[in-house]
Amino acid sequence: MSDLDKNKLNAWFDTYQGTIINHIKEIFNQKKVEIDSSISEDQNLLEQVLGEDFPRAGIQFSTKQENTHTQHLITLDLNSVKLIYSALSGEKIEDHLSDEQYTALNEALKQLLEKISDSIDETSMKFTARDISVYSFDSGENFSKDLPIENGISISHNLTFGKDKISLNQFSWNKIVKNGDFVDVSQAEFESFTSENGDAGSPRNINMLMDVELEVLVELGRKSMRIQDVLKLGKGSLIELDKGAGEPLTIYINNRKLAEGEVVVVDDKFGIRITKLASPKERIKSLG
């Protein structure tokens, strides 16, 4: 008997199907995406997985929703995996996906799940996804060896992906939480150390730190890019950054902002002329 609630899952899909479709369109660069899902419960998931046609690909991930921890396995044929990756990258895949291509697909799926979770306003329906992986399996024994599949809920998805029709099966079951699984971590709180007059004490004996090496990073600018755009980059490609020409560069020490500056050339080498420093207090903080 499954601990998962079929009615709640149906309600979740009905509420957020449009959101899911929009994010699929965005990440996989598709104009037409449709999803038709059918949910069954109280199924022996292991028997269903062993009865599928192989080889297949398996997409595994875990979710936490409030205090519920759920394991998911999505299976689909290898041709469907190639179609999905082709939509992601813009390249036609004739052979099997390489390890690098599976890694890119992992990142796209992670981005998709994060976007879906961020789009949900209701606290009780938000979820956190982790441990996403995509693999190719030659037989169902590979799944049964690695996954503790017992009774749960199975979901059949028929996906219209552009001009292609893709069928995939999703198997979900509540997992037993062991040490290290979805540990809720909160920030430790400590009393602040202050001097006798109540002000924060200034650092002393700083000379003992003078020989410590720190990493200096100069940031020219930033840009967020979708995975499909990154995969299209090649020699001669241009990336437009968020800073305009002439704007100061940012100088970081140990990933903390120290100063702003401008590019100069010194003896045929690039350098940075500092034009604005952070406050002494911020500079001391950057040493930590």
C-alpha atoms as a PDB file:
ATOM      1  CA  MET A   1       0.000   0.000   0.000  1.00  0.00           C
ATOM      2  CA  SER A   2       1.481   3.360  -0.987  1.00  0.00           C
ATOM      3  CA  ASP A   3       1.951   6.215   1.470  1.00  0.00           C
ATOM      4  CA  LEU A   4       1.737   8.672  -1.417  1.00  0.00           C
ATOM      5  CA  ASP A   5      -1.588  10.419  -1.956  1.00  0.00           C
ATOM      6  CA  LYS A   6      -2.866   9.945  -5.509  1.00  0.00           C
ATOM      7  CA  ASN A   7      -5.475  12.706  -5.148  1.00  0.00           C
ATOM      8  CA  LYS A   8      -2.892  15.225  -3.948  1.00  0.00           C
ATOM      9  CA  LEU A   9      -0.631  14.343  -6.874  1.00  0.00           C
ATOM     10  CA  ASN A  10      -3.503  14.774  -9.328  1.00  0.00           C
ATOM     11  CA  ALA A  11      -4.326  18.156  -7.797  1.00  0.00           C
ATOM     12  CA  TRP A  12      -0.659  19.183  -7.976  1.00  0.00           C
ATOM     13  CA  PHE A  13      -0.414  18.300 -11.672  1.00  0.00           C
ATOM     14  CA  ASP A  14      -3.688  20.094 -12.459  1.00  0.00           C
ATOM     15  CA  THR A  15      -2.506  23.235 -10.651  1.00  0.00           C
ATOM     16  CA  TYR A  16       1.013  23.460 -12.029  1.00  0.00           C
ATOM     17  CA  GLN A  17       0.852  21.771 -15.409  1.00  0.00           C
ATOM     18  CA  GLY A  18       0.909  25.126 -17.207  1.00  0.00           C
ATOM     19  CA  THR A  19       3.933  26.236 -15.170  1.00  0.00           C
ATOM     20  CA  ILE A  20       5.783  23.007 -15.943  1.00  0.00           C
ATOM     21  CA  ILE A  21       5.046  23.319 -19.661  1.00  0.00           C
ATOM     22  CA  ASN A  22       6.269  26.921 -19.783  1.00  0.00           C
ATOM     23  CA  HIS A  23       9.563  26.020 -18.126  1.00  0.00           C
ATOM     24  CA  ILE A  24      10.061  23.061 -20.483  1.00  0.00           C
ATOM     25  CA  LYS A  25       9.495  25.388 -23.427  1.00  0.00           C
ATOM     26  CA  GLU A  26      12.052  27.852 -22.070  1.00  0.00           C
ATOM     27  CA  ILE A  27      14.839  25.426 -21.152  1.00  0.00           C
ATOM     28  CA  PHE A  28      14.481  23.110 -24.146  1.00  0.00           C
ATOM     29  CA  ASN A  29      13.672  25.871 -26.644  1.00  0.00           C
ATOM     30  CA  GLN A  30      10.322  24.416 -27.719  1.00  0.00           C
ATOM     31  CA  LYS A  31       7.307  26.255 -29.108  1.00  0.00           C
ATOM     32  CA  LYS A  32       4.896  23.365 -28.603  1.00  0.00           C
ATOM     33  CA  VAL A  33       4.806  21.241 -25.456  1.00  0.00           C
ATOM     34  CA  GLU A  34       1.816  19.241 -24.211  1.00  0.00           C
ATOM     35  CA  ILE A  35       1.626  16.783 -21.313  1.00  0.00           C
ATOM     36  CA  ASP A  36      -1.002  14.115 -20.703  1.00  0.00           C
ATOM     37  CA  SER A  37      -0.474  12.248 -17.416  1.00  0.00           C
ATOM     38  CA  SER A  38      -2.211   9.239 -15.906  1.00  0.00           C
ATOM     39  CA  ILE A  39      -1.590   8.239 -12.268  1.00  0.00           C
ATOM     40  CA  SER A  40      -2.006   4.755 -10.782  1.00  0.00           C
ATOM     41  CA  GLU A  41      -1.340   3.629  -7.217  1.00  0.00           C
ATOM     42  CA  ASP A  42      -0.837   0.487  -5.188  1.00  0.00           C
ATOM     43  CA  GLN A  43       1.308  -0.984  -7.930  1.00  0.00           C
ATOM     44  CA  ASN A  44       4.331  -3.209  -7.478  1.00  0.00           C
ATOM     45  CA  LEU A  45       6.846  -0.817  -8.994  1.00  0.00           C
ATOM     46  CA  LEU A  46       9.608  -3.399  -9.253  1.00  0.00           C
ATOM     47  CA  GLU A  47       7.465  -5.675 -11.418  1.00  0.00           C
ATOM     48  CA  GLN A  48       6.564  -2.749 -13.686  1.00  0.00           C
ATOM     49  CA  VAL A  49      10.187  -1.700 -14.161  1.00  0.00           C
ATOM     50  CA  LEU A  50      11.312  -5.255 -14.920  1.00  0.00           C
ATOM     51  CA  GLY A  51       8.514  -5.542 -17.494  1.00  0.00           C
ATOM     52  CA  GLU A  52       9.675  -2.568 -19.592  1.00  0.00           C
ATOM     53  CA  ASP A  53      11.501  -2.802 -22.917  1.00  0.00           C
ATOM     54  CA  PHE A  54      15.262  -2.275 -22.657  1.00  0.00           C
ATOM     55  CA  PRO A  55      17.700  -0.656 -23.178  1.00  0.00           C
ATOM     56  CA  ARG A  56      16.232   2.445 -21.555  1.00  0.00           C
ATOM     57  CA  ALA A  57      17.384   5.579 -19.827  1.00  0.00           C
ATOM     58  CA  GLY A  58      16.618   6.251 -16.188  1.00  0.00           C
ATOM     59  CA  ILE A  59      16.305   9.669 -14.589  1.00  0.00           C
ATOM     60  CA  GLN A  60      16.635   9.475 -10.813  1.00  0.00           C
ATOM     61  CA  PHE A  61      16.113  12.216  -8.240  1.00  0.00           C
ATOM     62  CA  SER A  62      14.861  12.796  -4.716  1.00  0.00           C
ATOM     63  CA  THR A  63      12.466  15.435  -3.432  1.00  0.00           C
ATOM     64  CA  LYS A  64      11.612  16.830  -0.034  1.00  0.00           C
ATOM     65  CA  GLN A  65       8.218  18.476   0.445  1.00  0.00           C
ATOM     66  CA  GLU A  66       7.606  19.672   3.982  1.00  0.00           C
ATOM     67  CA  ASN A  67       8.508  16.562   6.028  1.00  0.00           C
ATOM     68  CA  THR A  68       7.993  14.065   3.203  1.00  0.00           C
ATOM     69  CA  HIS A  69      10.985  12.519   1.434  1.00  0.00           C
ATOM     70  CA  THR A  70      10.201  10.883  -1.904  1.00  0.00           C
ATOM     71  CA  GLN A  71      12.337   8.980  -4.410  1.00  0.00           C
ATOM     72  CA  HIS A  72      11.589   9.218  -8.143  1.00  0.00           C
ATOM     73  CA  LEU A  73      12.603   7.170 -11.171  1.00  0.00           C
ATOM     74  CA  ILE A  74      11.610   8.218 -14.704  1.00  0.00           C
ATOM     75  CA  THR A  75      12.304   5.782 -17.533  1.00  0.00           C
ATOM     76  CA  LEU A  76      12.189   6.388 -21.284  1.00  0.00           C
ATOM     77  CA  ASP A  77      13.645   4.852 -24.412  1.00  0.00           C
ATOM     78  CA  LEU A  78      17.063   5.989 -25.636  1.00  0.00           C
ATOM     79  CA  ASN A  79      15.647   7.558 -28.808  1.00  0.00           C
ATOM     80  CA  SER A  80      13.521   9.872 -26.673  1.00  0.00           C
ATOM     81  CA  VAL A  81      16.640  10.858 -24.711  1.00  0.00           C
ATOM     82  CA  LYS A  82      18.361  11.808 -27.977  1.00  0.00           C
ATOM     83  CA  LEU A  83      15.342  13.868 -29.065  1.00  0.00           C
ATOM     84  CA  ILE A  84      15.296  15.742 -25.750  1.00  0.00           C
ATOM     85  CA  TYR A  85      19.039  16.405 -25.858  1.00  0.00           C
ATOM     86  CA  SER A  86      18.816  17.577 -29.485  1.00  0.00           C
ATOM     87  CA  ALA A  87      16.173  20.098 -28.463  1.00  0.00           C
ATOM     88  CA  LEU A  88      18.452  21.243 -25.625  1.00  0.00           C
ATOM     89  CA  SER A  89      21.634  21.593 -27.674  1.00  0.00           C
ATOM     90  CA  GLY A  90      20.368  22.263 -31.175  1.00  0.00           C
ATOM     91  CA  GLU A  91      22.493  19.400 -32.574  1.00  0.00           C
ATOM     92  CA  LYS A  92      21.183  16.184 -34.078  1.00  0.00           C
ATOM     93  CA  ILE A  93      22.366  13.086 -32.198  1.00  0.00           C
ATOM     94  CA  GLU A  94      22.861   9.985 -34.354  1.00  0.00           C
ATOM     95  CA  ASP A  95      24.611   7.775 -31.784  1.00  0.00           C
ATOM     96  CA  HIS A  96      24.273   7.307 -28.035  1.00  0.00           C
ATOM     97  CA  LEU A  97      24.869  10.275 -25.747  1.00  0.00           C
ATOM     98  CA  SER A  98      28.379  10.711 -24.360  1.00  0.00           C
ATOM     99  CA  ASP A  99      29.154  11.211 -20.674  1.00  0.00           C
ATOM    100  CA  GLU A 100      29.505  14.959 -21.284  1.00  0.00           C
ATOM    101  CA  GLN A 101      26.101  15.075 -22.974  1.00  0.00           C
ATOM    102  CA  TYR A 102      24.477  13.184 -20.102  1.00  0.00           C
ATOM    103  CA  THR A 103      26.069  15.720 -17.731  1.00  0.00           C
ATOM    104  CA  ALA A 104      24.569  18.597 -19.717  1.00  0.00           C
ATOM    105  CA  LEU A 105      21.169  16.879 -19.588  1.00  0.00           C
ATOM    106  CA  ASN A 106      21.552  16.512 -15.822  1.00  0.00           C
ATOM    107  CA  GLU A 107      22.131  20.259 -15.495  1.00  0.00           C
ATOM    108  CA  ALA A 108      19.110  21.072 -17.666  1.00  0.00           C
ATOM    109  CA  LEU A 109      16.845  18.845 -15.573  1.00  0.00           C
ATOM    110  CA  LYS A 110      18.206  20.373 -12.374  1.00  0.00           C
ATOM    111  CA  GLN A 111      17.476  23.840 -13.737  1.00  0.00           C
ATOM    112  CA  LEU A 112      13.967  22.722 -14.735  1.00  0.00           C
ATOM    113  CA  LEU A 113      13.129  21.352 -11.273  1.00  0.00           C
ATOM    114  CA  GLU A 114      14.524  24.464  -9.566  1.00  0.00           C
ATOM    115  CA  LYS A 115      12.442  26.750 -11.772  1.00  0.00           C
ATOM    116  CA  ILE A 116       9.281  24.730 -11.096  1.00  0.00           C
ATOM    117  CA  SER A 117       9.897  24.817  -7.338  1.00  0.00           C
ATOM    118  CA  ASP A 118      10.620  28.566  -7.381  1.00  0.00           C
ATOM    119  CA  SER A 119       7.360  29.185  -9.260  1.00  0.00           C
ATOM    120  CA  ILE A 120       5.208  27.578  -6.557  1.00  0.00           C
ATOM    121  CA  ASP A 121       3.743  30.147  -4.165  1.00  0.00           C
ATOM    122  CA  GLU A 122       2.190  27.768  -1.654  1.00  0.00           C
ATOM    123  CA  THR A 123       4.651  26.776   1.063  1.00  0.00           C
ATOM    124  CA  SER A 124       2.969  23.409   1.582  1.00  0.00           C
ATOM    125  CA  MET A 125       3.470  22.450  -2.082  1.00  0.00           C
ATOM    126  CA  LYS A 126       7.043  23.628  -2.525  1.00  0.00           C
ATOM    127  CA  PHE A 127       9.707  20.953  -2.889  1.00  0.00           C
ATOM    128  CA  THR A 128      13.476  20.659  -2.956  1.00  0.00           C
ATOM    129  CA  ALA A 129      15.064  18.335  -5.530  1.00  0.00           C
ATOM    130  CA  ARG A 130      18.501  16.764  -5.298  1.00  0.00           C
ATOM    131  CA  ASP A 131      20.686  13.842  -6.463  1.00  0.00           C
ATOM    132  CA  ILE A 132      19.582  14.170 -10.109  1.00  0.00           C
ATOM    133  CA  SER A 133      21.218  11.647 -12.453  1.00  0.00           C
ATOM    134  CA  VAL A 134      20.565  10.279 -15.947  1.00  0.00           C
ATOM    135  CA  TYR A 135      21.873   6.857 -16.978  1.00  0.00           C
ATOM    136  CA  SER A 136      21.445   4.249 -19.689  1.00  0.00           C
ATOM    137  CA  PHE A 137      20.503   0.732 -18.560  1.00  0.00           C
ATOM    138  CA  ASP A 138      20.646  -2.488 -20.562  1.00  0.00           C
ATOM    139  CA  SER A 139      18.125  -4.372 -18.420  1.00  0.00           C
ATOM    140  CA  GLY A 140      15.686  -3.947 -15.580  1.00  0.00           C
ATOM    141  CA  GLU A 141      18.019  -5.808 -13.253  1.00  0.00           C
ATOM    142  CA  ASN A 142      20.221  -2.709 -13.241  1.00  0.00           C
ATOM    143  CA  PHE A 143      17.365  -0.683 -11.791  1.00  0.00           C
ATOM    144  CA  SER A 144      16.338  -3.310  -9.248  1.00  0.00           C
ATOM    145  CA  LYS A 145      19.943  -3.683  -8.079  1.00  0.00           C
ATOM    146  CA  ASP A 146      20.391   0.000  -7.270  1.00  0.00           C
ATOM    147  CA  LEU A 147      16.905   1.136  -6.285  1.00  0.00           C
ATOM    148  CA  PRO A 148      14.798  -0.026  -3.308  1.00  0.00           C
ATOM    149  CA  ILE A 149      11.555  -0.060  -5.271  1.00  0.00           C
ATOM    150  CA  GLU A 150       8.547  -1.443  -3.425  1.00  0.00           C
ATOM    151  CA  ASN A 151       4.932  -0.315  -3.563  1.00  0.00           C
ATOM    152  CA  GLY A 152       4.239   3.249  -4.591  1.00  0.00           C
ATOM    153  CA  ILE A 153       2.668   5.288  -7.375  1.00  0.00           C
ATOM    154  CA  SER A 154       3.328   5.015 -11.104  1.00  0.00           C
ATOM    155  CA  ILE A 155       2.620   7.847 -13.533  1.00  0.00           C
ATOM    156  CA  SER A 156       2.515   7.567 -17.322  1.00  0.00           C
ATOM    157  CA  HIS A 157       3.382  10.775 -19.161  1.00  0.00           C
ATOM    158  CA  ASN A 158       2.715  11.329 -22.865  1.00  0.00           C
ATOM    159  CA  LEU A 159       4.751  14.336 -23.919  1.00  0.00           C
ATOM    160  CA  THR A 160       4.345  16.264 -27.175  1.00  0.00           C
ATOM    161  CA  PHE A 161       7.774  17.779 -27.684  1.00  0.00           C
ATOM    162  CA  GLY A 162       7.716  19.984 -30.763  1.00  0.00           C
ATOM    163  CA  LYS A 163       6.922  17.576 -33.602  1.00  0.00           C
ATOM    164  CA  ASP A 164       7.817  14.480 -31.579  1.00  0.00           C
ATOM    165  CA  LYS A 165       5.772  12.274 -29.265  1.00  0.00           C
ATOM    166  CA  ILE A 166       7.592  10.960 -26.213  1.00  0.00           C
ATOM    167  CA  SER A 167       6.287   8.455 -23.663  1.00  0.00           C
ATOM    168  CA  LEU A 168       7.892   8.152 -20.259  1.00  0.00           C
ATOM    169  CA  ASN A 169       7.034   6.399 -17.034  1.00  0.00           C
ATOM    170  CA  GLN A 170       7.517   7.837 -13.563  1.00  0.00           C
ATOM    171  CA  PHE A 171       7.751   5.704 -10.431  1.00  0.00           C
ATOM    172  CA  SER A 172       7.581   7.440  -7.029  1.00  0.00           C
ATOM    173  CA  TRP A 173       7.739   6.082  -3.505  1.00  0.00           C
ATOM    174  CA  ASN A 174       8.443   7.426  -0.036  1.00  0.00           C
ATOM    175  CA  LYS A 175      11.977   6.720   1.078  1.00  0.00           C
ATOM    176  CA  ILE A 176      13.302   5.831   4.496  1.00  0.00           C
ATOM    177  CA  VAL A 177      15.416   8.715   5.783  1.00  0.00           C
ATOM    178  CA  LYS A 178      18.860   7.611   6.868  1.00  0.00           C
ATOM    179  CA  ASN A 179      21.737   9.579   8.289  1.00  0.00           C
ATOM    180  CA  GLY A 180      22.848  12.143   5.743  1.00  0.00           C
ATOM    181  CA  ASP A 181      19.563  12.262   3.801  1.00  0.00           C
ATOM    182  CA  PHE A 182      17.915  15.683   3.601  1.00  0.00           C
ATOM    183  CA  VAL A 183      19.322  16.984   6.851  1.00  0.00           C
ATOM    184  CA  ASP A 184      17.757  20.307   7.804  1.00  0.00           C
ATOM    185  CA  VAL A 185      20.593  22.659   8.666  1.00  0.00           C
ATOM    186  CA  SER A 186      20.159  26.003  10.392  1.00  0.00           C
ATOM    187  CA  GLN A 187      22.696  28.721  10.952  1.00  0.00           C
ATOM    188  CA  ALA A 188      24.410  28.510  14.335  1.00  0.00           C
ATOM    189  CA  GLU A 189      24.021  31.612  16.482  1.00  0.00           C
ATOM    190  CA  PHE A 190      26.803  32.844  18.749  1.00  0.00           C
ATOM    191  CA  GLU A 191      27.133  35.804  21.055  1.00  0.00           C
ATOM    192  CA  SER A 192      29.208  38.576  19.513  1.00  0.00           C
ATOM    193  CA  PHE A 193      32.611  39.327  20.992  1.00  0.00           C
ATOM    194  CA  THR A 194      32.804  42.943  22.086  1.00  0.00           C
ATOM    195  CA  SER A 195      35.282  45.145  23.871  1.00  0.00           C
ATOM    196  CA  GLU A 196      34.717  46.484  27.351  1.00  0.00           C
ATOM    197  CA  ASN A 197      32.931  49.585  26.039  1.00  0.00           C
ATOM    198  CA  GLY A 198      30.512  47.412  24.079  1.00  0.00           C
ATOM    199  CA  ASP A 199      31.978  48.088  20.590  1.00  0.00           C
ATOM    200  CA  ALA A 200      33.172  45.303  18.383  1.00  0.00           C
ATOM    201  CA  GLY A 201      36.859  44.793  19.015  1.00  0.00           C
ATOM    202  CA  SER A 202      39.308  45.731  16.257  1.00  0.00           C
ATOM    203  CA  PRO A 203      41.632  42.986  14.976  1.00  0.00           C
ATOM    204  CA  ARG A 204      44.932  42.724  16.812  1.00  0.00           C
ATOM    205  CA  ASN A 205      48.261  41.138  15.950  1.00  0.00           C
ATOM    206  CA  ILE A 206      47.493  41.416  12.244  1.00  0.00           C
ATOM    207  CA  ASN A 207      51.232  41.220  11.493  1.00  0.00           C
ATOM    208  CA  MET A 208      51.051  37.476  11.992  1.00  0.00           C
ATOM    209  CA  LEU A 209      48.828  37.305   8.864  1.00  0.00           C
ATOM    210  CA  MET A 210      51.070  39.335   6.571  1.00  0.00           C
ATOM    211  CA  ASP A 211      52.648  36.266   4.899  1.00  0.00           C
ATOM    212  CA  VAL A 212      49.330  34.537   4.222  1.00  0.00           C
ATOM    213  CA  GLU A 213      48.568  34.218   0.483  1.00  0.00           C
ATOM    214  CA  LEU A 214      45.132  35.304  -0.742  1.00  0.00           C
ATOM    215  CA  GLU A 215      43.420  34.801  -4.082  1.00  0.00           C
ATOM    216  CA  VAL A 216      42.808  38.007  -6.038  1.00  0.00           C
ATOM    217  CA  LEU A 217      39.985  37.899  -8.594  1.00  0.00           C
ATOM    218  CA  VAL A 218      39.109  40.685 -11.033  1.00  0.00           C
ATOM    219  CA  GLU A 219      35.592  40.474 -12.459  1.00  0.00           C
ATOM    220  CA  LEU A 220      35.007  42.002 -15.863  1.00  0.00           C
ATOM    221  CA  GLY A 221      31.279  41.297 -15.793  1.00  0.00           C
ATOM    222  CA  ARG A 222      28.655  38.596 -15.475  1.00  0.00           C
ATOM    223  CA  LYS A 223      25.939  36.973 -17.561  1.00  0.00           C
ATOM    224  CA  SER A 224      23.416  34.204 -16.957  1.00  0.00           C
ATOM    225  CA  MET A 225      23.054  31.793 -19.892  1.00  0.00           C
ATOM    226  CA  ARG A 226      20.860  28.799 -20.578  1.00  0.00           C
ATOM    227  CA  ILE A 227      22.602  25.483 -21.055  1.00  0.00           C
ATOM    228  CA  GLN A 228      21.480  25.263 -24.678  1.00  0.00           C
ATOM    229  CA  ASP A 229      23.190  28.619 -25.395  1.00  0.00           C
ATOM    230  CA  VAL A 230      26.411  27.581 -23.644  1.00  0.00           C
ATOM    231  CA  LEU A 231      26.566  24.423 -25.762  1.00  0.00           C
ATOM    232  CA  LYS A 232      26.414  26.555 -28.915  1.00  0.00           C
ATOM    233  CA  LEU A 233      29.482  28.615 -27.986  1.00  0.00           C
ATOM    234  CA  GLY A 234      32.532  28.202 -30.163  1.00  0.00           C
ATOM    235  CA  LYS A 235      35.676  29.971 -31.238  1.00  0.00           C
ATOM    236  CA  GLY A 236      34.786  33.541 -32.145  1.00  0.00           C
ATOM    237  CA  SER A 237      31.522  33.598 -30.176  1.00  0.00           C
ATOM    238  CA  LEU A 238      30.708  36.822 -28.346  1.00  0.00           C
ATOM    239  CA  ILE A 239      29.251  36.976 -24.839  1.00  0.00           C
ATOM    240  CA  GLU A 240      27.660  40.266 -23.833  1.00  0.00           C
ATOM    241  CA  LEU A 241      28.305  41.079 -20.166  1.00  0.00           C
ATOM    242  CA  ASP A 242      26.192  43.097 -17.764  1.00  0.00           C
ATOM    243  CA  LYS A 243      28.732  45.947 -17.541  1.00  0.00           C
ATOM    244  CA  GLY A 244      29.002  48.714 -20.100  1.00  0.00           C
ATOM    245  CA  ALA A 245      32.245  49.912 -21.666  1.00  0.00           C
ATOM    246  CA  GLY A 246      34.114  52.223 -19.312  1.00  0.00           C
ATOM    247  CA  GLU A 247      32.475  50.931 -16.133  1.00  0.00           C
ATOM    248  CA  PRO A 248      34.887  50.009 -13.316  1.00  0.00           C
ATOM    249  CA  LEU A 249      35.927  46.413 -12.764  1.00  0.00           C
ATOM    250  CA  THR A 250      35.387  44.714  -9.411  1.00  0.00           C
ATOM    251  CA  ILE A 251      38.327  43.327  -7.427  1.00  0.00           C
ATOM    252  CA  TYR A 252      37.654  40.467  -4.998  1.00  0.00           C
ATOM    253  CA  ILE A 253      39.844  39.003  -2.263  1.00  0.00           C
ATOM    254  CA  ASN A 254      38.745  35.536  -1.188  1.00  0.00           C
ATOM    255  CA  ASN A 255      35.417  36.148  -2.985  1.00  0.00           C
ATOM    256  CA  ARG A 256      34.785  39.386  -1.065  1.00  0.00           C
ATOM    257  CA  LYS A 257      34.765  42.785  -2.721  1.00  0.00           C
ATOM    258  CA  LEU A 258      37.906  44.819  -1.967  1.00  0.00           C
ATOM    259  CA  ALA A 259      37.953  47.584  -4.540  1.00  0.00           C
ATOM    260  CA  GLU A 260      37.030  48.858  -8.004  1.00  0.00           C
ATOM    261  CA  GLY A 261      39.500  49.660 -10.745  1.00  0.00           C
ATOM    262  CA  GLU A 262      40.281  50.068 -14.432  1.00  0.00           C
ATOM    263  CA  VAL A 263      42.382  48.058 -16.877  1.00  0.00           C
ATOM    264  CA  VAL A 264      45.857  49.353 -17.728  1.00  0.00           C
ATOM    265  CA  VAL A 265      48.790  47.918 -19.699  1.00  0.00           C
ATOM    266  CA  VAL A 266      52.181  47.727 -17.979  1.00  0.00           C
ATOM    267  CA  ASP A 267      55.141  46.385 -19.992  1.00  0.00           C
ATOM    268  CA  ASP A 268      52.882  44.459 -22.370  1.00  0.00           C
ATOM    269  CA  LYS A 269      50.935  42.945 -19.475  1.00  0.00           C
ATOM    270  CA  PHE A 270      47.453  43.757 -18.244  1.00  0.00           C
ATOM    271  CA  GLY A 271      47.095  45.339 -14.835  1.00  0.00           C
ATOM    272  CA  ILE A 272      44.409  46.954 -12.710  1.00  0.00           C
ATOM    273  CA  ARG A 273      44.629  50.502 -11.412  1.00  0.00           C
ATOM    274  CA  ILE A 274      42.576  50.795  -8.228  1.00  0.00           C
ATOM    275  CA  THR A 275      40.177  53.711  -8.384  1.00  0.00           C
ATOM    276  CA  LYS A 276      38.028  53.042  -5.311  1.00  0.00           C
ATOM    277  CA  LEU A 277      38.740  51.065  -2.157  1.00  0.00           C
ATOM    278  CA  ALA A 278      36.313  49.407   0.206  1.00  0.00           C
ATOM    279  CA  SER A 279      36.270  50.783   3.729  1.00  0.00           C
ATOM    280  CA  PRO A 280      39.046  49.589   6.112  1.00  0.00           C
ATOM    281  CA  LYS A 281      36.481  47.541   8.016  1.00  0.00           C
ATOM    282  CA  GLU A 282      35.366  45.790   4.803  1.00  0.00           C
ATOM    283  CA  ARG A 283      38.992  45.162   3.801  1.00  0.00           C
ATOM    284  CA  ILE A 284      39.740  43.549   7.156  1.00  0.00           C
ATOM    285  CA  LYS A 285      36.627  41.403   6.724  1.00  0.00           C
ATOM    286  CA  SER A 286      37.826  40.265   3.280  1.00  0.00           C
ATOM    287  CA  LEU A 287      40.864  38.661   4.902  1.00  0.00           C
ATOM    288  CA  GLY A 288      38.654  36.141   6.706  1.00  0.00           C
END
